[in-house]
C-alpha atoms as a PDB file:
ATOM      1  CA  UNK A   1       0.000   0.000   0.000  1.00  0.00           C
ATOM      2  CA  UNK A   2       2.886   2.338   0.786  1.00  0.00           C
ATOM      3  CA  UNK A   3       4.311   1.803  -2.720  1.00  0.00           C
ATOM      4  CA  UNK A   4       0.990   2.714  -4.325  1.00  0.00           C
ATOM      5  CA  UNK A   5       0.700   5.903  -2.309  1.00  0.00           C
ATOM      6  CA  UNK A   6       4.245   6.932  -3.243  1.00  0.00           C
ATOM      7  CA  UNK A   7       3.504   6.158  -6.901  1.00  0.00           C
ATOM      8  CA  UNK A   8       0.331   8.267  -6.762  1.00  0.00           C
ATOM      9  CA  UNK A   9       2.193  11.203  -5.236  1.00  0.00           C
ATOM     10  CA  UNK A  10       4.928  11.010  -7.872  1.00  0.00           C
ATOM     11  CA  UNK A  11       2.257  10.745 -10.576  1.00  0.00           C
ATOM     12  CA  UNK A  12       0.512  13.872  -9.328  1.00  0.00           C
ATOM     13  CA  UNK A  13       3.791  15.764  -9.102  1.00  0.00           C
ATOM     14  CA  UNK A  14       4.438  14.883 -12.755  1.00  0.00           C
ATOM     15  CA  UNK A  15       0.833  15.514 -13.855  1.00  0.00           C
ATOM     16  CA  UNK A  16       0.610  19.186 -12.874  1.00  0.00           C
ATOM     17  CA  UNK A  17       3.576  20.425 -14.944  1.00  0.00           C
ATOM     18  CA  UNK A  18       2.351  18.377 -17.908  1.00  0.00           C
ATOM     19  CA  UNK A  19      -1.084  19.973 -17.672  1.00  0.00           C
ATOM     20  CA  UNK A  20       0.446  23.417 -17.230  1.00  0.00           C
ATOM     21  CA  UNK A  21       2.512  23.009 -20.401  1.00  0.00           C
ATOM     22  CA  UNK A  22      -0.271  21.220 -22.302  1.00  0.00           C
ATOM     23  CA  UNK A  23       0.028  23.381 -25.431  1.00  0.00           C
ATOM     24  CA  UNK A  24       3.733  22.686 -25.807  1.00  0.00           C
ATOM     25  CA  UNK A  25       5.641  19.559 -26.880  1.00  0.00           C
ATOM     26  CA  UNK A  26       5.730  18.500 -23.219  1.00  0.00           C
ATOM     27  CA  UNK A  27       2.250  16.970 -23.490  1.00  0.00           C
ATOM     28  CA  UNK A  28       2.999  14.642 -26.434  1.00  0.00           C
ATOM     29  CA  UNK A  29       6.307  13.700 -24.809  1.00  0.00           C
ATOM     30  CA  UNK A  30       4.549  12.779 -21.566  1.00  0.00           C
ATOM     31  CA  UNK A  31       1.888  10.819 -23.445  1.00  0.00           C
ATOM     32  CA  UNK A  32       4.615   9.004 -25.386  1.00  0.00           C
ATOM     33  CA  UNK A  33       6.352   8.144 -22.137  1.00  0.00           C
ATOM     34  CA  UNK A  34       3.108   6.750 -20.713  1.00  0.00           C
ATOM     35  CA  UNK A  35       2.583   4.743 -23.898  1.00  0.00           C
ATOM     36  CA  UNK A  36       6.080   3.287 -23.560  1.00  0.00           C
ATOM     37  CA  UNK A  37       5.393   2.311 -19.957  1.00  0.00           C
ATOM     38  CA  UNK A  38       2.098   0.700 -21.008  1.00  0.00           C
ATOM     39  CA  UNK A  39       3.853  -1.246 -23.780  1.00  0.00           C
ATOM     40  CA  UNK A  40       6.499  -2.449 -21.345  1.00  0.00           C
ATOM     41  CA  UNK A  41       3.754  -3.648 -19.008  1.00  0.00           C
ATOM     42  CA  UNK A  42       2.015  -5.437 -21.872  1.00  0.00           C
ATOM     43  CA  UNK A  43       5.237  -7.205 -22.834  1.00  0.00           C
ATOM     44  CA  UNK A  44       5.791  -8.148 -19.190  1.00  0.00           C
ATOM     45  CA  UNK A  45       2.265  -9.503 -18.789  1.00  0.00           C
ATOM     46  CA  UNK A  46       2.508 -11.677 -21.891  1.00  0.00           C
ATOM     47  CA  UNK A  47       5.826 -13.121 -20.745  1.00  0.00           C
ATOM     48  CA  UNK A  48       7.894 -11.697 -23.615  1.00  0.00           C
ATOM     49  CA  UNK A  49       9.948  -9.230 -21.577  1.00  0.00           C
ATOM     50  CA  UNK A  50      13.157 -11.221 -21.951  1.00  0.00           C
ATOM     51  CA  UNK A  51      12.780 -11.476 -25.725  1.00  0.00           C
ATOM     52  CA  UNK A  52      14.490  -8.277 -26.832  1.00  0.00           C
ATOM     53  CA  UNK A  53      13.518  -8.614 -30.497  1.00  0.00           C
ATOM     54  CA  UNK A  54       9.883  -8.391 -29.358  1.00  0.00           C
ATOM     55  CA  UNK A  55      10.067  -6.024 -26.403  1.00  0.00           C
ATOM     56  CA  UNK A  56      12.294  -3.355 -27.993  1.00  0.00           C
ATOM     57  CA  UNK A  57      10.207  -2.879 -31.193  1.00  0.00           C
ATOM     58  CA  UNK A  58       7.034  -2.909 -29.084  1.00  0.00           C
ATOM     59  CA  UNK A  59       8.207  -0.133 -26.791  1.00  0.00           C
ATOM     60  CA  UNK A  60       9.663   1.883 -29.678  1.00  0.00           C
ATOM     61  CA  UNK A  61       6.379   1.634 -31.611  1.00  0.00           C
ATOM     62  CA  UNK A  62       4.368   2.702 -28.564  1.00  0.00           C
ATOM     63  CA  UNK A  63       6.641   5.677 -27.865  1.00  0.00           C
ATOM     64  CA  UNK A  64       6.865   6.914 -31.456  1.00  0.00           C
ATOM     65  CA  UNK A  65       3.221   6.583 -32.516  1.00  0.00           C
ATOM     66  CA  UNK A  66       1.656   9.216 -30.195  1.00  0.00           C
ATOM     67  CA  UNK A  67       4.316  11.759 -31.199  1.00  0.00           C
ATOM     68  CA  UNK A  68       3.670  11.428 -34.949  1.00  0.00           C
ATOM     69  CA  UNK A  69       1.040  14.175 -35.423  1.00  0.00           C
ATOM     70  CA  UNK A  70       2.844  16.703 -33.250  1.00  0.00           C
ATOM     71  CA  UNK A  71       6.150  16.140 -35.052  1.00  0.00           C
ATOM     72  CA  UNK A  72       4.531  16.387 -38.476  1.00  0.00           C
ATOM     73  CA  UNK A  73       2.942  19.726 -37.630  1.00  0.00           C
ATOM     74  CA  UNK A  74       6.409  21.087 -36.902  1.00  0.00           C
ATOM     75  CA  UNK A  75       7.718  20.118 -40.342  1.00  0.00           C
ATOM     76  CA  UNK A  76       7.882  22.918 -42.906  1.00  0.00           C
ATOM     77  CA  UNK A  77       5.826  21.176 -45.617  1.00  0.00           C
ATOM     78  CA  UNK A  78       2.747  20.644 -43.448  1.00  0.00           C
ATOM     79  CA  UNK A  79       0.509  23.022 -41.621  1.00  0.00           C
ATOM     80  CA  UNK A  80      -2.153  22.054 -39.097  1.00  0.00           C
ATOM     81  CA  UNK A  81      -4.964  22.554 -41.570  1.00  0.00           C
ATOM     82  CA  UNK A  82      -3.662  20.992 -44.768  1.00  0.00           C
ATOM     83  CA  UNK A  83      -1.268  18.109 -45.209  1.00  0.00           C
ATOM     84  CA  UNK A  84      -0.409  17.197 -41.626  1.00  0.00           C
ATOM     85  CA  UNK A  85      -3.490  15.032 -41.076  1.00  0.00           C
ATOM     86  CA  UNK A  86      -2.981  13.002 -44.223  1.00  0.00           C
ATOM     87  CA  UNK A  87       0.746  12.662 -43.579  1.00  0.00           C
ATOM     88  CA  UNK A  88       0.065  11.568 -39.991  1.00  0.00           C
ATOM     89  CA  UNK A  89      -2.403   8.943 -41.201  1.00  0.00           C
ATOM     90  CA  UNK A  90       0.030   7.621 -43.808  1.00  0.00           C
ATOM     91  CA  UNK A  91       2.911   7.502 -41.343  1.00  0.00           C
ATOM     92  CA  UNK A  92       0.725   5.823 -38.706  1.00  0.00           C
ATOM     93  CA  UNK A  93      -0.319   3.108 -41.149  1.00  0.00           C
ATOM     94  CA  UNK A  94       3.294   2.649 -42.266  1.00  0.00           C
ATOM     95  CA  UNK A  95       4.587   2.375 -38.688  1.00  0.00           C
ATOM     96  CA  UNK A  96       1.854  -0.109 -37.784  1.00  0.00           C
ATOM     97  CA  UNK A  97       2.625  -2.226 -40.856  1.00  0.00           C
ATOM     98  CA  UNK A  98       6.351  -2.243 -40.035  1.00  0.00           C
ATOM     99  CA  UNK A  99       5.605  -3.171 -36.428  1.00  0.00           C
ATOM    100  CA  UNK A 100       3.305  -5.997 -37.564  1.00  0.00           C
ATOM    101  CA  UNK A 101       5.978  -7.244 -39.953  1.00  0.00           C
ATOM    102  CA  UNK A 102       8.615  -7.271 -37.207  1.00  0.00           C
ATOM    103  CA  UNK A 103       6.385  -9.003 -34.661  1.00  0.00           C
ATOM    104  CA  UNK A 104       4.974 -11.657 -36.946  1.00  0.00           C
ATOM    105  CA  UNK A 105       8.232 -12.325 -38.773  1.00  0.00           C
ATOM    106  CA  UNK A 106       9.753 -13.210 -35.416  1.00  0.00           C
ATOM    107  CA  UNK A 107       6.974 -15.775 -35.102  1.00  0.00           C
ATOM    108  CA  UNK A 108       8.050 -17.251 -38.443  1.00  0.00           C
ATOM    109  CA  UNK A 109      11.787 -17.275 -37.804  1.00  0.00           C
ATOM    110  CA  UNK A 110      11.718 -18.139 -34.093  1.00  0.00           C
ATOM    111  CA  UNK A 111       8.517 -20.200 -33.973  1.00  0.00           C
ATOM    112  CA  UNK A 112       9.876 -22.601 -31.364  1.00  0.00           C
ATOM    113  CA  UNK A 113      10.561 -19.751 -28.894  1.00  0.00           C
ATOM    114  CA  UNK A 114       7.186 -18.022 -29.037  1.00  0.00           C
ATOM    115  CA  UNK A 115       3.575 -18.762 -28.484  1.00  0.00           C
ATOM    116  CA  UNK A 116       1.479 -17.232 -31.281  1.00  0.00           C
ATOM    117  CA  UNK A 117      -1.188 -16.313 -28.767  1.00  0.00           C
ATOM    118  CA  UNK A 118       1.293 -14.239 -26.752  1.00  0.00           C
ATOM    119  CA  UNK A 119       2.605 -12.488 -29.862  1.00  0.00           C
ATOM    120  CA  UNK A 120      -0.894 -11.737 -31.104  1.00  0.00           C
ATOM    121  CA  UNK A 121      -1.965 -10.453 -27.700  1.00  0.00           C
ATOM    122  CA  UNK A 122       1.116  -8.254 -27.459  1.00  0.00           C
ATOM    123  CA  UNK A 123       0.580  -6.874 -30.955  1.00  0.00           C
ATOM    124  CA  UNK A 124      -3.133  -6.145 -30.586  1.00  0.00           C
ATOM    125  CA  UNK A 125      -2.890  -4.645 -27.105  1.00  0.00           C
ATOM    126  CA  UNK A 126       0.076  -2.482 -28.067  1.00  0.00           C
ATOM    127  CA  UNK A 127      -1.654  -1.189 -31.192  1.00  0.00           C
ATOM    128  CA  UNK A 128      -4.883  -0.564 -29.278  1.00  0.00           C
ATOM    129  CA  UNK A 129      -3.242   1.365 -26.451  1.00  0.00           C
ATOM    130  CA  UNK A 130      -0.906   3.233 -28.781  1.00  0.00           C
ATOM    131  CA  UNK A 131      -3.859   4.438 -30.834  1.00  0.00           C
ATOM    132  CA  UNK A 132      -5.624   5.478 -27.622  1.00  0.00           C
ATOM    133  CA  UNK A 133      -2.608   7.572 -26.624  1.00  0.00           C
ATOM    134  CA  UNK A 134      -2.416   8.900 -30.190  1.00  0.00           C
ATOM    135  CA  UNK A 135      -6.042   9.973 -29.821  1.00  0.00           C
ATOM    136  CA  UNK A 136      -5.170  11.923 -26.676  1.00  0.00           C
ATOM    137  CA  UNK A 137      -2.464  13.862 -28.505  1.00  0.00           C
ATOM    138  CA  UNK A 138      -4.677  14.513 -31.523  1.00  0.00           C
ATOM    139  CA  UNK A 139      -7.579  15.667 -29.345  1.00  0.00           C
ATOM    140  CA  UNK A 140      -5.269  18.040 -27.483  1.00  0.00           C
ATOM    141  CA  UNK A 141      -4.018  19.419 -30.794  1.00  0.00           C
ATOM    142  CA  UNK A 142      -7.544  19.942 -32.115  1.00  0.00           C
ATOM    143  CA  UNK A 143      -8.907  21.483 -28.908  1.00  0.00           C
ATOM    144  CA  UNK A 144      -6.046  23.316 -27.171  1.00  0.00           C
ATOM    145  CA  UNK A 145      -6.965  24.355 -23.661  1.00  0.00           C
ATOM    146  CA  UNK A 146      -5.314  25.937 -20.688  1.00  0.00           C
ATOM    147  CA  UNK A 147      -5.820  23.509 -17.824  1.00  0.00           C
ATOM    148  CA  UNK A 148      -4.182  25.428 -15.012  1.00  0.00           C
END
């Protein structure tokens, strides 16, 4: 119980600066960090934490995906109203396809080391949660608000 209380206090200490700087790149960075932590937990729960060729691409995918729209808006060729949305969609689909290729090719090449159910669960949960975190960043970009 003591550990949970300490974790909650640390979480609140981190939450307030993130909310204060919500209209800056701090918010997508914090969301990406949370997505990486969630992906690490997913890999741990499915028993694939020790398999680096699964856990590393999973965490990288989860960290990179929520930052995609914010990074694309900063590029000179895209503005918030025109090409950034289409470029973000294309890059999101590309990243998800690459992640799927990496995960499921490891099932082909190392089939004796993995359970297909664990790989599928890891893939689907990571994609689901990464898109949820991506939705948070996109909603914040579409409806910027001062929280504090």
